[in-house]
Each structure stands twice: as structure tokens, then as C-alpha cells.
Amino acid sequence: MKMIKRIMALCASVLLLAASACAQGPNDPDPTTPTASDHSKEADLQLRNDIGEMLLVGFRGMSLDKTSHIVRDIQEYHIGGVILFEYDAPSGTHSRNIRDPKQVKALCQQLQEYGQGQLLIGIDQEGGMVCRLKAKAGFPRVISPQKMAEKGADTTRHYARITAEMLSSLGINLNFAPCVDVNINPKCPIIGKLERSFGNTPEQVVRMAEIWMEESERQGVVPCLKHFPGHGSSSTDSHHGLVDVTNTWQRLELQPYQDLIAKRQVPMIMSTHVINGQFDGRPATLSQVILTDLLRNELGFKGVVITDDMGMGAIKDEYDYAEAIRLTIEAGADMLCLGNNSVPYRPDIVPETFDIIYGLVQSGQLSAERIHQSAERIRQLKSALKKK
């Protein structure tokens, strides 16, 4: 009798299993197996994160709260970085992001808290006329690159060290310096007249720029060479409109980039908006010939290409914004500098730019792989920064 009961129980179990199998159907998916929909959602999330990584953004505020658009941009759009300014051009006031050392340090701490420690926090701190952190606000005084070089390598190292230590102590981990433009035209309104160049020979520029880079990297501050492929021969300023150096640019202006790329790891290079008809009829920032064929393929650059501010006159006044975004990514730019420091101030510049790039991918004008390639370069830079 016990044996019969066991056989009956076994039969019942088999019947239940068979019924379950029939209910599921032989071709029904295993609920634990990822579906095409799951993969699609994962790919879309990856694309969204990659687009955010490519954006470095300017904003207003000495401190932050949850109503600040930059907090939304960090948390919802996962932007790759921010840029700090002392002067707010749209309002014409010196009340943008910088008041004194204590305030700047607190602001950087807030930014990284919202960004979970993943942000690049950038600034233009070259010395001389290009200093967002000014001596009158309590920051160390730093002479111009031209004066540093005139006084020699030891002086350049002294000021490079002071600058790097200050930035590191504040929580700023990216400096848009050194300027490696060769001083071809001392009357150039944006380079020569402001004493931003280390010299009128490539060799002098390379020697001083390498010192600057060494001291920056010792303090965990990313240096950025600028302005590729050279702004030192111009006679006008690309902040205010198109600049054409076709007839003044010299091949030796490439040498600082070529030599430094060959000698050491260069983490970041900024493109300029000047037109150089010796290569292309478009501004360098929008030129695949310049950013990919020349910088990547000929000079062998492996790091991050960041644009100069996309709100400058040379781009803003000459190109539709969406078209400029498409062209610069196609050209090879990895990170877009959206300084948001021109008229009008645009609190929604991140969602607007995000939607443009996302739409370009959805329409097939840009590939998701192209976006991912740039985002990965930025992530690798950040990963190397954390190890320092």
C-alpha cells in the first residue's frame, strides 16, 4: 500500500511539471534571460550617460542648492565637468563663481558631492592677464607666461608649482593651461598683447610648457594645451568673430604639440575656432581635417580633445547651434565646452545640447559608438586623475 501511494505521488508530480511546461510553451522566453527590450534600454542608458560625459558647463552661483540648474545638470544629465569664471559677461558683473579661497573651496566640495566625486572642475589660470583667481581676492599672484619665460625655467617652475598647489587645495582638478601658442605676432590681441605665450620659438614654448605640465600633474591637476593648431599669428580675437590665419600661420606653430605628444603623455588639448585655410575652410573646432587627420592621425594624440567655448562669436555668430554641435563631434571633439558666459545666459543649455546630440544619434547622423568613443576617453582621463 505504501508503495502504491509513493507511485501515485510521483505521478502527480510529473503531471504538475508537464502542466507547467505546457502553460509556459516551448518557445516562451525564460523570465531570467535578458530580452531585446532589456538590451535596448541598457543601450539607451549608456548613450545618455555618454552624452552627458561629453559636456563641460559654465553656470552662475557662488554656492549651490537643489534648485540650481547645474545641480539638475549633474544629477539628471550626468555632465562630465564644469568651468568656473570670476566675471559674468551676460550681466557685466564680477559675481559669477569666485569670491575668495574659502568660498571657492566650499563650492568645489558641493559640486563633487552632487557629482559623487566624478566631475572635472576646470578653470583658466594661466597667469598674468588670464587669471580667474585674482590676487585682489586673496589668491596668489602669478605673473604672465611671457614674463615667466623671460626670467627662466626656475621662475616658470616656481609659478607653475604655486598655481598647481593652489588649484589642488581648492578642489579644482583641470586647468586650461599651458597656452602653447608661439608668439608669431606680438600684436595679436588675444595672445601676444596679453603676454600669454612662453616665447617666439617652439623650443622655448615646449621647454616652459613641459615644466608647467609637470608641476600640474604632481598636484593632481590636469593640464590642457591650447589653442590647436595655433592662434599666435592672428591679428583678431575669435571671442568676437571669425579669425582667419591662412596667410599668417606657420608650420612651426604645430611643433609644441608634436614635441610634447612625442615626449610625454598629453591628457587634453583644446581646439581653437580660427580658420586655417592651409588645412580647411572651417574653424579648427569644426574641422575633421584638423582634429582627426592632423591631430589624431598625423601627430598621434591619444587624449581628450576639448573645444574652446562653443558660445564664442566665431561659432555662435556664424553657425546654427545644432549644426555646430554636429560638426564638432564629427570633426573629432570629445568634450564640448559650454561656458555659458555670453549673452544671453542659458540655464537650459545642457538639456538643449543633450537633446541635439541624442537626436543626431537617433536620426543616424551620428553613431552611438562615436559618442561612446569620446566618453571613454574622458573616463580614462578621470580614472588616471584619481590614481595621482
Protein backbone atom coordinates (compact mmCIF):
# COMPACT_ATOMS: atom_id res chain seq x y z
CA MET A 1 0.00 0.00 0.00
CA LYS A 2 2.85 2.41 0.86
CA MET A 3 4.49 1.62 -2.45
CA ILE A 4 1.25 2.42 -4.35
CA LYS A 5 0.95 5.80 -2.55
CA ARG A 6 4.54 6.68 -3.45
CA ILE A 7 3.92 5.80 -7.10
CA MET A 8 0.75 7.89 -7.14
CA ALA A 9 2.54 10.86 -5.57
CA LEU A 10 5.35 10.60 -8.11
CA CYS A 11 2.85 10.52 -10.97
CA ALA A 12 1.13 13.62 -9.60
CA SER A 13 4.45 15.49 -9.51
CA VAL A 14 5.22 14.55 -13.10
CA LEU A 15 1.78 15.72 -14.23
CA LEU A 16 2.24 19.09 -12.45
CA LEU A 17 5.62 19.64 -14.10
CA ALA A 18 4.18 18.75 -17.51
CA ALA A 19 1.27 21.13 -17.00
CA SER A 20 3.70 23.93 -16.04
CA ALA A 21 5.79 23.30 -19.15
CA CYS A 22 2.69 23.35 -21.36
CA ALA A 23 1.49 26.58 -19.77
CA GLN A 24 4.84 28.28 -20.49
CA GLY A 25 5.05 26.91 -24.02
CA PRO A 26 8.13 25.51 -25.72
CA ASN A 27 9.07 28.86 -27.29
CA ASP A 28 8.32 31.19 -24.39
CA PRO A 29 11.38 33.06 -23.06
CA ASP A 30 12.93 32.19 -19.75
CA PRO A 31 11.98 35.11 -17.47
CA THR A 32 15.57 35.24 -16.20
CA THR A 33 17.00 35.73 -19.71
CA PRO A 34 17.52 39.36 -20.85
CA THR A 35 15.19 40.33 -23.68
CA ALA A 36 15.79 42.54 -26.69
CA SER A 37 13.85 45.25 -24.85
CA ASP A 38 16.23 44.97 -21.88
CA HIS A 39 19.24 45.33 -24.17
CA SER A 40 17.63 48.33 -25.86
CA LYS A 41 17.03 50.05 -22.52
CA GLU A 42 20.60 49.34 -21.44
CA ALA A 43 21.99 50.75 -24.70
CA ASP A 44 19.82 53.87 -24.35
CA LEU A 45 21.01 54.43 -20.78
CA GLN A 46 24.62 54.02 -21.90
CA LEU A 47 24.08 56.55 -24.68
CA ARG A 48 22.53 59.07 -22.30
CA ASN A 49 25.42 58.72 -19.85
CA ASP A 50 27.95 59.02 -22.67
CA ILE A 51 26.37 62.23 -23.98
CA GLY A 52 26.42 63.78 -20.52
CA GLU A 53 30.08 62.88 -20.09
CA MET A 54 30.93 64.98 -23.14
CA LEU A 55 29.57 68.24 -21.68
CA LEU A 56 31.62 70.69 -19.60
CA VAL A 57 29.39 73.54 -18.49
CA GLY A 58 29.52 77.04 -17.03
CA PHE A 59 26.94 78.27 -14.53
CA ARG A 60 26.09 81.09 -12.14
CA GLY A 61 26.44 80.74 -8.40
CA MET A 62 28.86 81.18 -5.52
CA SER A 63 27.18 78.24 -3.81
CA LEU A 64 24.61 75.64 -4.78
CA ASP A 65 21.24 74.36 -3.71
CA LYS A 66 18.89 71.81 -5.24
CA THR A 67 17.12 74.50 -7.29
CA SER A 68 20.33 75.36 -9.21
CA HIS A 69 20.16 74.23 -12.82
CA ILE A 70 23.72 72.97 -12.56
CA VAL A 71 22.62 70.52 -9.86
CA ARG A 72 19.96 69.21 -12.26
CA ASP A 73 22.60 69.02 -14.99
CA ILE A 74 24.93 67.00 -12.75
CA GLN A 75 22.33 64.65 -11.32
CA GLU A 76 19.96 64.12 -14.26
CA TYR A 77 22.26 64.57 -17.25
CA HIS A 78 25.49 63.33 -15.63
CA ILE A 79 27.64 66.05 -17.17
CA GLY A 80 31.36 65.40 -17.29
CA GLY A 81 32.52 68.68 -15.83
CA VAL A 82 32.08 72.37 -15.06
CA ILE A 83 34.09 75.52 -15.68
CA LEU A 84 34.42 78.35 -13.18
CA PHE A 85 34.56 82.06 -14.01
CA GLU A 86 35.12 85.20 -11.99
CA TYR A 87 33.39 87.56 -14.44
CA ASP A 88 29.80 87.06 -15.59
CA ALA A 89 29.71 88.54 -19.09
CA PRO A 90 25.90 88.47 -19.59
CA SER A 91 25.33 90.69 -16.56
CA GLY A 92 28.63 92.57 -16.72
CA THR A 93 29.35 91.83 -13.06
CA HIS A 94 32.18 90.19 -11.16
CA SER A 95 29.86 87.86 -9.29
CA ARG A 96 29.92 84.56 -11.15
CA ASN A 97 31.57 81.72 -9.18
CA ILE A 98 34.53 83.25 -7.36
CA ARG A 99 34.71 85.48 -4.29
CA ASP A 100 37.59 84.23 -2.13
CA PRO A 101 39.52 81.00 -1.42
CA LYS A 102 37.20 79.73 1.31
CA GLN A 103 34.11 80.20 -0.86
CA VAL A 104 35.68 78.55 -3.94
CA LYS A 105 36.76 75.53 -1.93
CA ALA A 106 33.27 75.14 -0.47
CA LEU A 107 31.73 75.45 -3.96
CA CYS A 108 34.03 72.75 -5.35
CA GLN A 109 33.14 70.47 -2.44
CA GLN A 110 29.44 70.98 -3.15
CA LEU A 111 29.93 70.25 -6.84
CA GLN A 112 31.74 66.99 -6.14
CA GLU A 113 29.16 65.95 -3.56
CA TYR A 114 26.39 66.34 -6.14
CA GLY A 115 28.61 64.67 -8.74
CA GLN A 116 29.71 61.82 -6.46
CA GLY A 117 33.34 62.83 -6.95
CA GLN A 118 33.22 62.27 -10.72
CA LEU A 119 33.40 65.84 -12.02
CA LEU A 120 36.17 67.66 -13.81
CA ILE A 121 36.24 71.16 -12.32
CA GLY A 122 38.05 73.43 -14.75
CA ILE A 123 39.36 76.98 -14.81
CA ASP A 124 41.58 79.27 -16.91
CA GLN A 125 44.54 80.05 -14.65
CA GLU A 126 47.49 80.77 -16.92
CA GLY A 127 49.00 83.69 -15.04
CA GLY A 128 49.13 87.40 -15.81
CA MET A 129 46.03 88.71 -17.58
CA VAL A 130 44.35 85.30 -17.75
CA CYS A 131 43.67 84.51 -14.11
CA ARG A 132 40.17 83.79 -12.86
CA LEU A 133 41.57 83.53 -9.32
CA LYS A 134 42.93 87.01 -8.75
CA ALA A 135 45.35 88.33 -6.15
CA LYS A 136 42.89 91.03 -5.04
CA ALA A 137 40.50 88.24 -3.99
CA GLY A 138 43.13 86.58 -1.82
CA PHE A 139 44.71 84.15 -4.28
CA PRO A 140 48.47 84.00 -5.01
CA ARG A 141 49.70 86.47 -7.60
CA VAL A 142 51.08 84.78 -10.72
CA ILE A 143 52.96 86.69 -13.43
CA SER A 144 52.31 86.18 -17.14
CA PRO A 145 53.76 83.23 -19.07
CA GLN A 146 55.84 85.66 -21.14
CA LYS A 147 57.44 87.16 -18.02
CA MET A 148 57.97 83.68 -16.51
CA ALA A 149 59.87 82.55 -19.58
CA GLU A 150 61.93 85.76 -19.72
CA LYS A 151 63.08 85.10 -16.15
CA GLY A 152 63.91 81.46 -16.93
CA ALA A 153 62.97 77.88 -16.14
CA ASP A 154 63.29 78.21 -12.36
CA THR A 155 60.84 81.11 -12.29
CA THR A 156 58.41 79.25 -14.52
CA ARG A 157 58.59 76.22 -12.24
CA HIS A 158 58.05 78.40 -9.17
CA TYR A 159 54.83 79.91 -10.52
CA ALA A 160 53.66 76.63 -12.03
CA ARG A 161 54.04 74.99 -8.61
CA ILE A 162 52.24 77.84 -6.80
CA THR A 163 49.37 77.63 -9.28
CA ALA A 164 49.05 73.84 -9.14
CA GLU A 165 49.18 73.73 -5.34
CA MET A 166 46.53 76.44 -5.09
CA LEU A 167 44.18 74.72 -7.54
CA SER A 168 44.59 71.36 -5.86
CA SER A 169 43.91 72.83 -2.42
CA LEU A 170 40.67 74.37 -3.70
CA GLY A 171 39.44 71.18 -5.37
CA ILE A 172 39.99 72.35 -8.96
CA ASN A 173 41.38 69.42 -10.96
CA LEU A 174 41.58 70.83 -14.51
CA ASN A 175 43.48 73.90 -15.67
CA PHE A 176 43.10 75.17 -19.22
CA ALA A 177 46.81 75.88 -19.40
CA PRO A 178 49.54 75.98 -20.56
CA CYS A 179 48.97 78.11 -23.62
CA VAL A 180 51.44 76.76 -26.18
CA ASP A 181 50.75 79.30 -28.91
CA VAL A 182 54.03 80.54 -30.41
CA ASN A 183 54.30 84.33 -30.27
CA ILE A 184 54.39 84.84 -34.03
CA ASN A 185 52.57 88.18 -33.85
CA PRO A 186 53.36 90.15 -30.66
CA LYS A 187 50.44 92.46 -31.52
CA CYS A 188 47.91 89.60 -31.57
CA PRO A 189 45.11 90.92 -29.32
CA ILE A 190 44.34 87.58 -27.69
CA ILE A 191 47.84 86.04 -27.32
CA GLY A 192 50.83 88.38 -27.81
CA LYS A 193 49.35 91.54 -26.31
CA LEU A 194 48.17 89.62 -23.25
CA GLU A 195 51.62 88.02 -22.76
CA ARG A 196 50.11 84.53 -22.85
CA SER A 197 52.87 82.92 -24.93
CA PHE A 198 56.04 81.47 -23.42
CA GLY A 199 58.08 82.65 -26.39
CA ASN A 200 58.56 83.28 -30.08
CA THR A 201 60.27 79.95 -30.76
CA PRO A 202 58.72 76.47 -30.46
CA GLU A 203 61.69 75.26 -28.44
CA GLN A 204 61.15 77.93 -25.76
CA VAL A 205 57.44 77.21 -25.63
CA VAL A 206 57.99 73.45 -25.30
CA ARG A 207 60.55 73.85 -22.54
CA MET A 208 58.32 76.04 -20.37
CA ALA A 209 55.11 74.19 -21.16
CA GLU A 210 56.66 70.90 -20.06
CA ILE A 211 57.64 72.45 -16.73
CA TRP A 212 54.07 73.72 -16.29
CA MET A 213 52.64 70.30 -17.08
CA GLU A 214 54.99 68.52 -14.67
CA GLU A 215 54.02 70.73 -11.74
CA SER A 216 50.32 70.48 -12.53
CA GLU A 217 50.35 66.71 -12.69
CA ARG A 218 52.31 66.42 -9.44
CA GLN A 219 49.36 68.08 -7.71
CA GLY A 220 46.70 66.03 -9.49
CA VAL A 221 45.65 68.85 -11.79
CA VAL A 222 45.04 68.01 -15.46
CA PRO A 223 46.89 70.42 -17.80
CA CYS A 224 45.32 71.31 -21.14
CA LEU A 225 47.40 72.54 -24.09
CA LYS A 226 45.80 75.28 -26.19
CA HIS A 227 44.91 76.60 -28.80
CA PHE A 228 45.31 73.92 -31.50
CA PRO A 229 46.60 74.27 -34.21
CA GLY A 230 47.82 77.76 -33.28
CA HIS A 231 46.40 81.22 -32.54
CA GLY A 232 49.63 83.15 -32.11
CA SER A 233 49.81 84.61 -35.61
CA SER A 234 46.30 86.06 -35.67
CA SER A 235 45.50 89.76 -35.74
CA THR A 236 41.95 89.46 -34.33
CA ASP A 237 40.15 87.74 -31.46
CA SER A 238 37.93 84.67 -32.02
CA HIS A 239 35.83 85.63 -28.99
CA HIS A 240 34.27 88.36 -31.14
CA GLY A 241 34.03 86.75 -34.58
CA LEU A 242 35.75 84.75 -37.27
CA VAL A 243 39.54 84.80 -37.30
CA ASP A 244 41.45 83.68 -40.40
CA VAL A 245 45.15 82.82 -40.07
CA THR A 246 45.52 81.23 -43.51
CA ASN A 247 48.12 83.78 -44.63
CA THR A 248 49.94 84.20 -41.32
CA TRP A 249 50.04 80.72 -39.75
CA GLN A 250 53.39 78.93 -39.87
CA ARG A 251 54.08 75.20 -39.65
CA LEU A 252 56.33 75.76 -36.65
CA GLU A 253 53.17 76.50 -34.64
CA LEU A 254 52.49 72.76 -34.63
CA GLN A 255 55.87 71.94 -33.11
CA PRO A 256 54.93 72.43 -29.44
CA TYR A 257 52.12 69.88 -29.85
CA GLN A 258 54.22 67.50 -31.90
CA ASP A 259 57.17 67.59 -29.49
CA LEU A 260 55.12 67.32 -26.31
CA ILE A 261 52.99 64.46 -27.66
CA ALA A 262 56.18 62.63 -28.65
CA LYS A 263 57.91 63.23 -25.30
CA ARG A 264 55.17 62.58 -22.76
CA GLN A 265 51.53 61.75 -22.22
CA VAL A 266 49.40 64.79 -23.02
CA PRO A 267 45.98 64.39 -21.35
CA MET A 268 43.99 67.14 -23.05
CA ILE A 269 44.21 69.60 -25.94
CA MET A 270 41.83 72.47 -26.65
CA SER A 271 40.90 73.34 -30.23
CA THR A 272 40.69 76.92 -31.43
CA HIS A 273 37.94 78.47 -33.52
CA VAL A 274 40.30 80.09 -36.03
CA ILE A 275 40.07 79.31 -39.74
CA ASN A 276 43.28 77.98 -41.22
CA GLY A 277 42.82 77.60 -44.94
CA GLN A 278 46.12 75.77 -45.19
CA PHE A 279 44.11 72.81 -43.86
CA ASP A 280 40.40 73.56 -44.17
CA GLY A 281 37.90 76.36 -44.74
CA ARG A 282 36.09 75.72 -41.45
CA PRO A 283 37.15 76.84 -37.97
CA ALA A 284 39.52 74.25 -36.47
CA THR A 285 36.93 73.22 -33.87
CA LEU A 286 34.61 72.11 -36.69
CA SER A 287 37.26 70.59 -38.94
CA GLN A 288 37.79 66.84 -39.26
CA VAL A 289 40.90 67.55 -41.30
CA ILE A 290 42.43 69.39 -38.32
CA LEU A 291 41.13 67.46 -35.31
CA THR A 292 41.23 63.93 -36.71
CA ASP A 293 43.53 63.81 -39.73
CA LEU A 294 46.13 66.19 -38.32
CA LEU A 295 45.94 65.92 -34.52
CA ARG A 296 44.94 62.28 -34.12
CA ASN A 297 46.40 60.59 -37.17
CA GLU A 298 49.48 62.67 -38.03
CA LEU A 299 50.57 63.83 -34.57
CA GLY A 300 49.37 60.70 -32.77
CA PHE A 301 47.39 62.35 -30.00
CA LYS A 302 45.51 59.83 -27.81
CA GLY A 303 43.99 62.07 -25.14
CA VAL A 304 40.84 64.19 -24.86
CA VAL A 305 40.10 66.91 -27.41
CA ILE A 306 38.02 69.69 -25.86
CA THR A 307 36.56 72.58 -27.80
CA ASP A 308 37.10 76.19 -26.92
CA ASP A 309 33.88 77.76 -25.66
CA MET A 310 31.10 76.99 -28.13
CA GLY A 311 29.48 80.32 -27.22
CA MET A 312 32.30 82.43 -28.67
CA GLY A 313 31.48 84.74 -31.55
CA ALA A 314 33.44 82.77 -34.14
CA ILE A 315 30.96 79.90 -33.70
CA LYS A 316 27.81 81.47 -32.25
CA ASP A 317 27.54 84.28 -34.81
CA GLU A 318 28.39 82.17 -37.86
CA TYR A 319 26.75 78.77 -37.33
CA ASP A 320 23.42 77.39 -36.25
CA TYR A 321 23.98 75.92 -32.80
CA ALA A 322 22.74 72.42 -33.63
CA GLU A 323 24.84 72.38 -36.80
CA ALA A 324 27.94 73.46 -34.88
CA ILE A 325 27.41 70.67 -32.36
CA ARG A 326 27.11 68.09 -35.12
CA LEU A 327 30.16 69.38 -36.98
CA THR A 328 32.47 69.47 -33.96
CA ILE A 329 31.60 65.91 -32.92
CA GLU A 330 32.03 64.71 -36.48
CA ALA A 331 35.35 66.54 -36.58
CA GLY A 332 36.63 64.60 -33.57
CA ALA A 333 35.95 66.71 -30.48
CA ASP A 334 35.44 64.63 -27.32
CA MET A 335 34.29 67.26 -24.86
CA LEU A 336 32.23 70.36 -25.60
CA CYS A 337 33.00 73.45 -23.55
CA LEU A 338 29.68 75.22 -22.95
CA GLY A 339 30.97 78.19 -20.98
CA ASN A 340 27.52 79.81 -20.92
CA ASN A 341 29.22 83.15 -20.41
CA SER A 342 27.86 85.16 -23.29
CA VAL A 343 24.57 86.92 -23.99
CA PRO A 344 22.04 85.51 -23.34
CA TYR A 345 22.72 83.32 -20.34
CA ARG A 346 21.11 79.91 -20.99
CA PRO A 347 20.08 77.95 -17.88
CA ASP A 348 18.84 75.15 -20.13
CA ILE A 349 21.97 74.87 -22.27
CA VAL A 350 22.57 71.29 -21.06
CA PRO A 351 19.13 69.81 -21.86
CA GLU A 352 19.15 71.71 -25.17
CA THR A 353 22.58 70.36 -26.14
CA PHE A 354 21.78 66.89 -24.85
CA ASP A 355 18.62 66.75 -26.96
CA ILE A 356 20.55 67.85 -30.05
CA ILE A 357 23.17 65.10 -29.68
CA TYR A 358 20.61 62.45 -28.74
CA GLY A 359 18.52 63.42 -31.77
CA LEU A 360 21.56 63.23 -34.06
CA VAL A 361 22.17 59.65 -32.92
CA GLN A 362 18.51 58.67 -33.24
CA SER A 363 18.40 60.07 -36.79
CA GLY A 364 21.58 58.23 -37.76
CA GLN A 365 23.65 61.38 -38.35
CA LEU A 366 25.99 60.35 -35.52
CA SER A 367 26.63 56.85 -34.25
CA ALA A 368 26.29 55.76 -30.64
CA GLU A 369 29.76 54.24 -30.99
CA ARG A 370 31.23 57.65 -31.92
CA ILE A 371 29.71 59.16 -28.76
CA HIS A 372 30.92 56.22 -26.65
CA GLN A 373 34.46 56.59 -28.00
CA SER A 374 34.68 60.17 -26.72
CA ALA A 375 33.04 59.36 -23.38
CA GLU A 376 35.53 56.55 -22.79
CA ARG A 377 38.48 58.88 -23.40
CA ILE A 378 37.08 61.25 -20.77
CA ARG A 379 36.51 58.41 -18.31
CA GLN A 380 40.07 57.18 -18.82
CA LEU A 381 41.37 60.68 -18.08
CA LYS A 382 39.32 60.80 -14.89
CA SER A 383 40.49 57.34 -13.88
CA ALA A 384 44.14 58.36 -14.32
CA LEU A 385 43.47 61.53 -12.32
CA LYS A 386 42.15 59.54 -9.35
CA LYS A 387 45.33 57.45 -9.24
CA LYS A 388 47.55 60.51 -8.73
